[in-house]
Amino acid sequence: MDDSGVRIRETTWKRDRDRLKLVRQRVFVEEQGVPEEMEWDRHDSRCHHWLAEIPDTSPVGTVRMTPEGHVGRLSVLAEWRGHGIAHALMQALLERARRDGHRRLQLDAQLHAIGLYEKLGFVVHGQVFFDAGLPHRRMTLDLDPDRG
């Protein structure tokens, strides 16, 4: 738990589907206008998920990682942004990725989030592309810098 009382915990889609969906529905579908049929995909059931919760256990943020090391769906409710929650979610994800032996992670970052990912060591690759109508850039993080 950090100084704002937010707790980060790893979970599964089966265990916390409704709580994960609540955050993503508000951020991606309602706030950013992502079509619902694009938000919910076959990957959720096989991903590692993390939830950020406030003391009353209300969910305020989430992120997921596929078994192959693709990071996605990082989201924090608007009223909780600026408290380091996205960074804390990513730190928990990175710890798991290292523990699981991932050598490289990949993500597609919305342009406004690139700075957050760069602070974590991710590097931008390629040109801007659009996903769900929103501009993104591909980013990677090498977890094994000695690898050739």
N, C-alpha and C. Protein backbone atom coordinates (compact mmCIF):
# COMPACT_ATOMS: atom_id res chain seq x y z
N MET A 1 0.85 -1.18 0.00
CA MET A 1 0.00 0.00 0.00
C MET A 1 0.90 1.24 0.00
N ASP A 2 0.55 2.24 -0.81
CA ASP A 2 1.35 3.46 -0.84
C ASP A 2 0.74 4.52 0.11
N ASP A 3 1.30 5.74 0.07
CA ASP A 3 0.86 6.77 1.01
C ASP A 3 -0.57 7.26 0.76
N SER A 4 -1.16 6.96 -0.41
CA SER A 4 -2.55 7.32 -0.66
C SER A 4 -3.50 6.20 -0.23
N GLY A 5 -2.93 5.12 0.31
CA GLY A 5 -3.74 4.00 0.75
C GLY A 5 -4.10 3.03 -0.36
N VAL A 6 -3.50 3.19 -1.53
CA VAL A 6 -3.79 2.31 -2.65
C VAL A 6 -2.96 1.02 -2.52
N ARG A 7 -3.64 -0.10 -2.73
CA ARG A 7 -2.99 -1.41 -2.67
C ARG A 7 -3.01 -2.02 -4.06
N ILE A 8 -1.89 -2.60 -4.48
CA ILE A 8 -1.79 -3.28 -5.77
C ILE A 8 -1.78 -4.78 -5.49
N ARG A 9 -2.62 -5.51 -6.21
CA ARG A 9 -2.58 -6.97 -6.07
C ARG A 9 -2.78 -7.64 -7.42
N GLU A 10 -2.11 -8.77 -7.58
CA GLU A 10 -2.26 -9.57 -8.78
C GLU A 10 -3.53 -10.40 -8.66
N THR A 11 -4.18 -10.61 -9.79
CA THR A 11 -5.42 -11.38 -9.79
C THR A 11 -5.61 -12.07 -11.13
N THR A 12 -6.75 -12.71 -11.29
CA THR A 12 -7.11 -13.37 -12.54
C THR A 12 -8.43 -12.82 -13.04
N TRP A 13 -8.68 -13.03 -14.33
CA TRP A 13 -9.95 -12.62 -14.92
C TRP A 13 -11.11 -13.35 -14.26
N LYS A 14 -10.92 -14.64 -14.00
CA LYS A 14 -11.98 -15.44 -13.39
C LYS A 14 -12.34 -14.91 -12.00
N ARG A 15 -11.35 -14.53 -11.24
CA ARG A 15 -11.60 -14.07 -9.86
C ARG A 15 -12.19 -12.67 -9.79
N ASP A 16 -11.69 -11.75 -10.62
CA ASP A 16 -12.04 -10.33 -10.48
C ASP A 16 -12.54 -9.68 -11.76
N ARG A 17 -13.16 -10.45 -12.62
CA ARG A 17 -13.63 -9.92 -13.90
C ARG A 17 -14.45 -8.64 -13.74
N ASP A 18 -15.43 -8.64 -12.85
CA ASP A 18 -16.30 -7.47 -12.70
C ASP A 18 -15.53 -6.23 -12.25
N ARG A 19 -14.56 -6.41 -11.36
CA ARG A 19 -13.78 -5.29 -10.85
C ARG A 19 -12.83 -4.75 -11.93
N LEU A 20 -12.23 -5.64 -12.69
CA LEU A 20 -11.36 -5.24 -13.80
C LEU A 20 -12.17 -4.51 -14.87
N LYS A 21 -13.34 -5.06 -15.18
CA LYS A 21 -14.19 -4.46 -16.21
C LYS A 21 -14.68 -3.07 -15.79
N LEU A 22 -14.96 -2.89 -14.51
CA LEU A 22 -15.45 -1.60 -14.03
C LEU A 22 -14.47 -0.48 -14.38
N VAL A 23 -13.21 -0.69 -14.10
CA VAL A 23 -12.19 0.34 -14.38
C VAL A 23 -12.04 0.54 -15.88
N ARG A 24 -11.88 -0.54 -16.61
CA ARG A 24 -11.67 -0.43 -18.05
C ARG A 24 -12.88 0.14 -18.77
N GLN A 25 -14.07 -0.19 -18.33
CA GLN A 25 -15.30 0.36 -18.92
C GLN A 25 -15.30 1.89 -18.77
N ARG A 26 -15.00 2.35 -17.56
CA ARG A 26 -15.02 3.80 -17.33
C ARG A 26 -13.93 4.52 -18.10
N VAL A 27 -12.72 3.97 -18.12
CA VAL A 27 -11.60 4.66 -18.76
C VAL A 27 -11.65 4.53 -20.29
N PHE A 28 -11.69 3.31 -20.78
CA PHE A 28 -11.57 3.12 -22.22
C PHE A 28 -12.89 3.33 -22.97
N VAL A 29 -13.96 2.75 -22.51
CA VAL A 29 -15.23 2.83 -23.24
C VAL A 29 -15.90 4.18 -23.03
N GLU A 30 -16.11 4.56 -21.77
CA GLU A 30 -16.84 5.81 -21.50
C GLU A 30 -15.99 7.06 -21.74
N GLU A 31 -14.77 7.08 -21.21
CA GLU A 31 -13.95 8.29 -21.30
C GLU A 31 -13.29 8.45 -22.68
N GLN A 32 -12.75 7.36 -23.22
CA GLN A 32 -11.98 7.46 -24.46
C GLN A 32 -12.76 7.03 -25.70
N GLY A 33 -13.93 6.49 -25.53
CA GLY A 33 -14.77 6.15 -26.67
C GLY A 33 -14.38 4.89 -27.42
N VAL A 34 -13.65 3.99 -26.76
CA VAL A 34 -13.30 2.72 -27.40
C VAL A 34 -14.57 1.88 -27.51
N PRO A 35 -14.87 1.34 -28.69
CA PRO A 35 -16.06 0.49 -28.82
C PRO A 35 -15.95 -0.74 -27.90
N GLU A 36 -17.04 -1.08 -27.23
CA GLU A 36 -17.03 -2.21 -26.30
C GLU A 36 -16.54 -3.49 -26.95
N GLU A 37 -16.93 -3.73 -28.20
CA GLU A 37 -16.51 -4.97 -28.85
C GLU A 37 -15.00 -5.03 -29.07
N MET A 38 -14.31 -3.89 -29.01
CA MET A 38 -12.85 -3.88 -29.12
C MET A 38 -12.18 -3.99 -27.76
N GLU A 39 -12.85 -3.58 -26.73
CA GLU A 39 -12.24 -3.59 -25.38
C GLU A 39 -12.13 -5.00 -24.81
N TRP A 40 -13.14 -5.79 -24.99
CA TRP A 40 -13.17 -7.13 -24.38
C TRP A 40 -12.71 -8.14 -25.43
N ASP A 41 -11.65 -8.87 -25.13
CA ASP A 41 -11.11 -9.80 -26.11
C ASP A 41 -10.80 -11.16 -25.49
N ARG A 42 -10.39 -12.07 -26.31
CA ARG A 42 -10.11 -13.45 -25.88
C ARG A 42 -8.89 -13.54 -24.99
N HIS A 43 -8.07 -12.51 -24.95
CA HIS A 43 -6.84 -12.56 -24.17
C HIS A 43 -7.06 -12.42 -22.66
N ASP A 44 -8.14 -11.74 -22.26
CA ASP A 44 -8.35 -11.48 -20.84
C ASP A 44 -8.27 -12.74 -19.98
N SER A 45 -8.87 -13.83 -20.43
CA SER A 45 -8.94 -15.04 -19.61
C SER A 45 -7.58 -15.70 -19.42
N ARG A 46 -6.62 -15.38 -20.28
CA ARG A 46 -5.30 -16.02 -20.16
C ARG A 46 -4.21 -15.08 -19.65
N CYS A 47 -4.57 -13.85 -19.37
CA CYS A 47 -3.59 -12.85 -18.91
C CYS A 47 -3.39 -12.88 -17.40
N HIS A 48 -2.25 -12.34 -17.00
CA HIS A 48 -2.04 -11.95 -15.61
C HIS A 48 -2.64 -10.56 -15.49
N HIS A 49 -3.37 -10.28 -14.43
CA HIS A 49 -4.00 -8.98 -14.21
C HIS A 49 -3.55 -8.42 -12.86
N TRP A 50 -3.53 -7.10 -12.77
CA TRP A 50 -3.27 -6.43 -11.50
C TRP A 50 -4.37 -5.40 -11.28
N LEU A 51 -4.77 -5.29 -10.02
CA LEU A 51 -5.78 -4.31 -9.61
C LEU A 51 -5.17 -3.35 -8.60
N ALA A 52 -5.49 -2.09 -8.74
CA ALA A 52 -5.17 -1.09 -7.71
C ALA A 52 -6.47 -0.82 -6.98
N GLU A 53 -6.43 -0.93 -5.65
CA GLU A 53 -7.64 -0.75 -4.85
C GLU A 53 -7.38 0.25 -3.72
N ILE A 54 -8.40 1.04 -3.40
CA ILE A 54 -8.32 1.96 -2.28
C ILE A 54 -8.77 1.21 -1.02
N PRO A 55 -8.59 1.79 0.17
CA PRO A 55 -8.86 1.06 1.42
C PRO A 55 -10.23 0.37 1.52
N ASP A 56 -11.27 0.94 0.92
CA ASP A 56 -12.57 0.26 0.99
C ASP A 56 -12.67 -0.85 -0.05
N THR A 57 -11.56 -1.15 -0.71
CA THR A 57 -11.39 -2.17 -1.76
C THR A 57 -12.05 -1.83 -3.09
N SER A 58 -12.43 -0.58 -3.29
CA SER A 58 -12.93 -0.18 -4.60
C SER A 58 -11.77 -0.19 -5.60
N PRO A 59 -11.98 -0.74 -6.79
CA PRO A 59 -10.92 -0.74 -7.80
C PRO A 59 -10.76 0.64 -8.43
N VAL A 60 -9.50 1.06 -8.59
CA VAL A 60 -9.24 2.37 -9.20
C VAL A 60 -8.27 2.28 -10.37
N GLY A 61 -7.65 1.11 -10.59
CA GLY A 61 -6.71 0.96 -11.70
C GLY A 61 -6.48 -0.50 -12.03
N THR A 62 -5.98 -0.73 -13.23
CA THR A 62 -5.70 -2.10 -13.67
C THR A 62 -4.67 -2.11 -14.80
N VAL A 63 -4.05 -3.26 -14.99
CA VAL A 63 -3.17 -3.53 -16.12
C VAL A 63 -3.14 -5.04 -16.32
N ARG A 64 -2.77 -5.47 -17.53
CA ARG A 64 -2.67 -6.90 -17.79
C ARG A 64 -1.42 -7.20 -18.60
N MET A 65 -1.01 -8.50 -18.57
CA MET A 65 0.13 -8.97 -19.36
C MET A 65 -0.19 -10.37 -19.88
N THR A 66 -0.02 -10.56 -21.19
CA THR A 66 -0.22 -11.88 -21.76
C THR A 66 0.94 -12.79 -21.37
N PRO A 67 0.77 -14.10 -21.48
CA PRO A 67 1.87 -15.02 -21.19
C PRO A 67 3.09 -14.77 -22.08
N GLU A 68 2.88 -14.17 -23.25
CA GLU A 68 3.99 -13.88 -24.17
C GLU A 68 4.70 -12.57 -23.84
N GLY A 69 4.21 -11.81 -22.88
CA GLY A 69 4.86 -10.57 -22.48
C GLY A 69 4.34 -9.31 -23.16
N HIS A 70 3.10 -9.33 -23.63
CA HIS A 70 2.50 -8.11 -24.18
C HIS A 70 1.70 -7.43 -23.08
N VAL A 71 2.06 -6.20 -22.79
CA VAL A 71 1.43 -5.41 -21.72
C VAL A 71 0.30 -4.59 -22.33
N GLY A 72 -0.80 -4.48 -21.60
CA GLY A 72 -1.90 -3.69 -22.12
C GLY A 72 -2.94 -3.35 -21.09
N ARG A 73 -3.88 -2.52 -21.52
CA ARG A 73 -5.05 -2.13 -20.75
C ARG A 73 -4.68 -1.43 -19.43
N LEU A 74 -3.55 -0.72 -19.41
CA LEU A 74 -3.22 0.07 -18.23
C LEU A 74 -4.22 1.20 -18.13
N SER A 75 -4.93 1.26 -17.01
CA SER A 75 -5.96 2.28 -16.85
C SER A 75 -6.12 2.64 -15.38
N VAL A 76 -6.31 3.93 -15.14
CA VAL A 76 -6.54 4.46 -13.80
C VAL A 76 -7.72 5.42 -13.90
N LEU A 77 -8.67 5.29 -12.98
CA LEU A 77 -9.82 6.19 -12.98
C LEU A 77 -9.35 7.64 -12.89
N ALA A 78 -10.04 8.52 -13.61
CA ALA A 78 -9.62 9.92 -13.73
C ALA A 78 -9.35 10.58 -12.39
N GLU A 79 -10.23 10.34 -11.42
CA GLU A 79 -10.08 11.01 -10.12
C GLU A 79 -8.89 10.48 -9.30
N TRP A 80 -8.26 9.41 -9.75
CA TRP A 80 -7.12 8.83 -9.04
C TRP A 80 -5.80 9.00 -9.79
N ARG A 81 -5.82 9.69 -10.93
CA ARG A 81 -4.57 9.92 -11.66
C ARG A 81 -3.72 10.94 -10.92
N GLY A 82 -2.42 10.83 -11.10
CA GLY A 82 -1.50 11.74 -10.44
C GLY A 82 -1.06 11.27 -9.06
N HIS A 83 -1.44 10.06 -8.69
CA HIS A 83 -1.06 9.50 -7.38
C HIS A 83 -0.02 8.39 -7.52
N GLY A 84 0.54 8.19 -8.71
CA GLY A 84 1.54 7.15 -8.91
C GLY A 84 0.98 5.75 -9.07
N ILE A 85 -0.32 5.64 -9.30
CA ILE A 85 -0.95 4.33 -9.39
C ILE A 85 -0.51 3.58 -10.64
N ALA A 86 -0.46 4.25 -11.78
CA ALA A 86 -0.04 3.59 -13.02
C ALA A 86 1.39 3.07 -12.87
N HIS A 87 2.25 3.87 -12.28
CA HIS A 87 3.64 3.46 -12.06
C HIS A 87 3.69 2.24 -11.13
N ALA A 88 2.91 2.25 -10.06
CA ALA A 88 2.89 1.13 -9.12
C ALA A 88 2.36 -0.15 -9.78
N LEU A 89 1.33 -0.01 -10.60
CA LEU A 89 0.81 -1.17 -11.34
C LEU A 89 1.89 -1.75 -12.25
N MET A 90 2.59 -0.87 -12.95
CA MET A 90 3.64 -1.34 -13.86
C MET A 90 4.80 -1.96 -13.10
N GLN A 91 5.15 -1.42 -11.94
CA GLN A 91 6.23 -2.01 -11.15
C GLN A 91 5.88 -3.44 -10.74
N ALA A 92 4.63 -3.66 -10.32
CA ALA A 92 4.19 -5.00 -9.93
C ALA A 92 4.25 -5.94 -11.14
N LEU A 93 3.81 -5.45 -12.30
CA LEU A 93 3.86 -6.25 -13.52
C LEU A 93 5.30 -6.59 -13.88
N LEU A 94 6.21 -5.62 -13.79
CA LEU A 94 7.61 -5.85 -14.14
C LEU A 94 8.26 -6.88 -13.21
N GLU A 95 7.90 -6.83 -11.92
CA GLU A 95 8.43 -7.83 -10.98
C GLU A 95 8.00 -9.23 -11.42
N ARG A 96 6.75 -9.39 -11.79
CA ARG A 96 6.25 -10.70 -12.22
C ARG A 96 6.93 -11.12 -13.52
N ALA A 97 7.08 -10.20 -14.46
CA ALA A 97 7.71 -10.52 -15.74
C ALA A 97 9.14 -11.02 -15.54
N ARG A 98 9.87 -10.36 -14.66
CA ARG A 98 11.25 -10.79 -14.37
C ARG A 98 11.26 -12.16 -13.70
N ARG A 99 10.38 -12.34 -12.74
CA ARG A 99 10.28 -13.61 -12.02
C ARG A 99 9.94 -14.76 -12.98
N ASP A 100 9.10 -14.47 -13.97
CA ASP A 100 8.70 -15.48 -14.95
C ASP A 100 9.74 -15.69 -16.05
N GLY A 101 10.80 -14.90 -16.04
CA GLY A 101 11.87 -15.08 -17.02
C GLY A 101 11.66 -14.42 -18.36
N HIS A 102 10.74 -13.46 -18.44
CA HIS A 102 10.57 -12.74 -19.71
C HIS A 102 11.85 -11.99 -20.04
N ARG A 103 12.22 -12.03 -21.30
CA ARG A 103 13.42 -11.31 -21.74
C ARG A 103 13.07 -9.94 -22.32
N ARG A 104 11.86 -9.83 -22.85
CA ARG A 104 11.44 -8.57 -23.46
C ARG A 104 9.93 -8.42 -23.32
N LEU A 105 9.51 -7.20 -23.02
CA LEU A 105 8.08 -6.89 -22.97
C LEU A 105 7.77 -5.93 -24.11
N GLN A 106 6.54 -5.98 -24.58
CA GLN A 106 6.08 -5.10 -25.65
C GLN A 106 4.75 -4.50 -25.25
N LEU A 107 4.51 -3.29 -25.70
CA LEU A 107 3.20 -2.66 -25.49
C LEU A 107 2.95 -1.66 -26.59
N ASP A 108 1.69 -1.31 -26.75
CA ASP A 108 1.27 -0.27 -27.68
C ASP A 108 0.75 0.88 -26.82
N ALA A 109 1.53 1.95 -26.75
CA ALA A 109 1.24 3.06 -25.84
C ALA A 109 0.44 4.16 -26.52
N GLN A 110 -0.61 4.61 -25.85
CA GLN A 110 -1.26 5.83 -26.29
C GLN A 110 -0.22 6.94 -26.14
N LEU A 111 -0.25 7.91 -27.04
CA LEU A 111 0.80 8.93 -27.07
C LEU A 111 0.97 9.65 -25.74
N HIS A 112 -0.12 9.94 -25.04
CA HIS A 112 -0.02 10.68 -23.79
C HIS A 112 0.68 9.87 -22.69
N ALA A 113 0.80 8.56 -22.85
CA ALA A 113 1.40 7.70 -21.83
C ALA A 113 2.85 7.34 -22.10
N ILE A 114 3.40 7.77 -23.20
CA ILE A 114 4.76 7.38 -23.56
C ILE A 114 5.76 7.77 -22.48
N GLY A 115 5.63 8.95 -21.90
CA GLY A 115 6.56 9.40 -20.86
C GLY A 115 6.59 8.46 -19.66
N LEU A 116 5.44 7.98 -19.24
CA LEU A 116 5.37 7.03 -18.12
C LEU A 116 6.18 5.79 -18.45
N TYR A 117 5.96 5.23 -19.63
CA TYR A 117 6.66 4.00 -20.01
C TYR A 117 8.16 4.24 -20.19
N GLU A 118 8.52 5.40 -20.73
CA GLU A 118 9.96 5.71 -20.87
C GLU A 118 10.64 5.77 -19.52
N LYS A 119 9.98 6.30 -18.51
CA LYS A 119 10.56 6.33 -17.16
C LYS A 119 10.81 4.94 -16.61
N LEU A 120 10.06 3.97 -17.10
CA LEU A 120 10.23 2.58 -16.68
C LEU A 120 11.25 1.84 -17.54
N GLY A 121 11.79 2.53 -18.56
CA GLY A 121 12.82 1.93 -19.41
C GLY A 121 12.37 1.47 -20.78
N PHE A 122 11.08 1.62 -21.10
CA PHE A 122 10.59 1.22 -22.42
C PHE A 122 11.12 2.18 -23.48
N VAL A 123 11.32 1.66 -24.69
CA VAL A 123 11.84 2.43 -25.81
C VAL A 123 10.81 2.41 -26.94
N VAL A 124 10.60 3.58 -27.57
CA VAL A 124 9.65 3.73 -28.67
C VAL A 124 10.25 3.16 -29.95
N HIS A 125 9.39 2.48 -30.75
CA HIS A 125 9.78 1.94 -32.05
C HIS A 125 8.70 2.28 -33.06
N GLY A 126 9.13 2.61 -34.27
CA GLY A 126 8.18 2.78 -35.36
C GLY A 126 7.38 4.07 -35.30
N GLN A 127 6.44 4.14 -36.21
CA GLN A 127 5.62 5.33 -36.40
C GLN A 127 4.33 5.26 -35.58
N VAL A 128 3.65 6.38 -35.52
CA VAL A 128 2.34 6.44 -34.88
C VAL A 128 1.37 5.60 -35.70
N PHE A 129 0.52 4.84 -35.01
CA PHE A 129 -0.55 4.10 -35.66
C PHE A 129 -1.80 4.26 -34.81
N PHE A 130 -2.94 3.95 -35.39
CA PHE A 130 -4.20 4.13 -34.68
C PHE A 130 -4.78 2.78 -34.30
N ASP A 131 -5.21 2.67 -33.05
CA ASP A 131 -5.89 1.50 -32.54
C ASP A 131 -7.14 2.01 -31.83
N ALA A 132 -8.30 1.49 -32.20
CA ALA A 132 -9.58 1.95 -31.65
C ALA A 132 -9.75 3.46 -31.81
N GLY A 133 -9.16 4.00 -32.89
CA GLY A 133 -9.28 5.42 -33.18
C GLY A 133 -8.34 6.32 -32.39
N LEU A 134 -7.46 5.73 -31.60
CA LEU A 134 -6.55 6.50 -30.75
C LEU A 134 -5.10 6.31 -31.21
N PRO A 135 -4.30 7.40 -31.25
CA PRO A 135 -2.91 7.28 -31.70
C PRO A 135 -2.03 6.55 -30.67
N HIS A 136 -1.22 5.63 -31.18
CA HIS A 136 -0.33 4.81 -30.36
C HIS A 136 1.07 4.75 -30.99
N ARG A 137 2.03 4.32 -30.18
CA ARG A 137 3.37 3.94 -30.66
C ARG A 137 3.74 2.63 -30.00
N ARG A 138 4.42 1.77 -30.71
CA ARG A 138 4.92 0.50 -30.16
C ARG A 138 6.13 0.81 -29.28
N MET A 139 6.22 0.10 -28.15
CA MET A 139 7.34 0.26 -27.23
C MET A 139 7.78 -1.11 -26.74
N THR A 140 9.08 -1.23 -26.44
CA THR A 140 9.60 -2.47 -25.88
C THR A 140 10.50 -2.17 -24.69
N LEU A 141 10.64 -3.17 -23.84
CA LEU A 141 11.56 -3.10 -22.71
C LEU A 141 12.36 -4.38 -22.70
N ASP A 142 13.68 -4.25 -22.80
CA ASP A 142 14.57 -5.41 -22.74
C ASP A 142 14.85 -5.70 -21.27
N LEU A 143 14.41 -6.84 -20.81
CA LEU A 143 14.62 -7.23 -19.41
C LEU A 143 15.93 -7.99 -19.23
N ASP A 144 16.61 -8.27 -20.34
CA ASP A 144 17.88 -8.99 -20.29
C ASP A 144 18.88 -8.21 -21.14
N PRO A 145 19.45 -7.11 -20.59
CA PRO A 145 20.30 -6.23 -21.39
C PRO A 145 21.57 -6.90 -21.89
N ASP A 146 21.98 -8.03 -21.30
CA ASP A 146 23.19 -8.72 -21.76
C ASP A 146 22.95 -9.56 -23.00
N ARG A 147 21.67 -9.73 -23.35
CA ARG A 147 21.31 -10.53 -24.52
C ARG A 147 21.68 -9.76 -25.79
N GLY A 148 22.24 -10.45 -26.75
CA GLY A 148 22.74 -9.83 -27.97
C GLY A 148 21.79 -9.27 -28.88
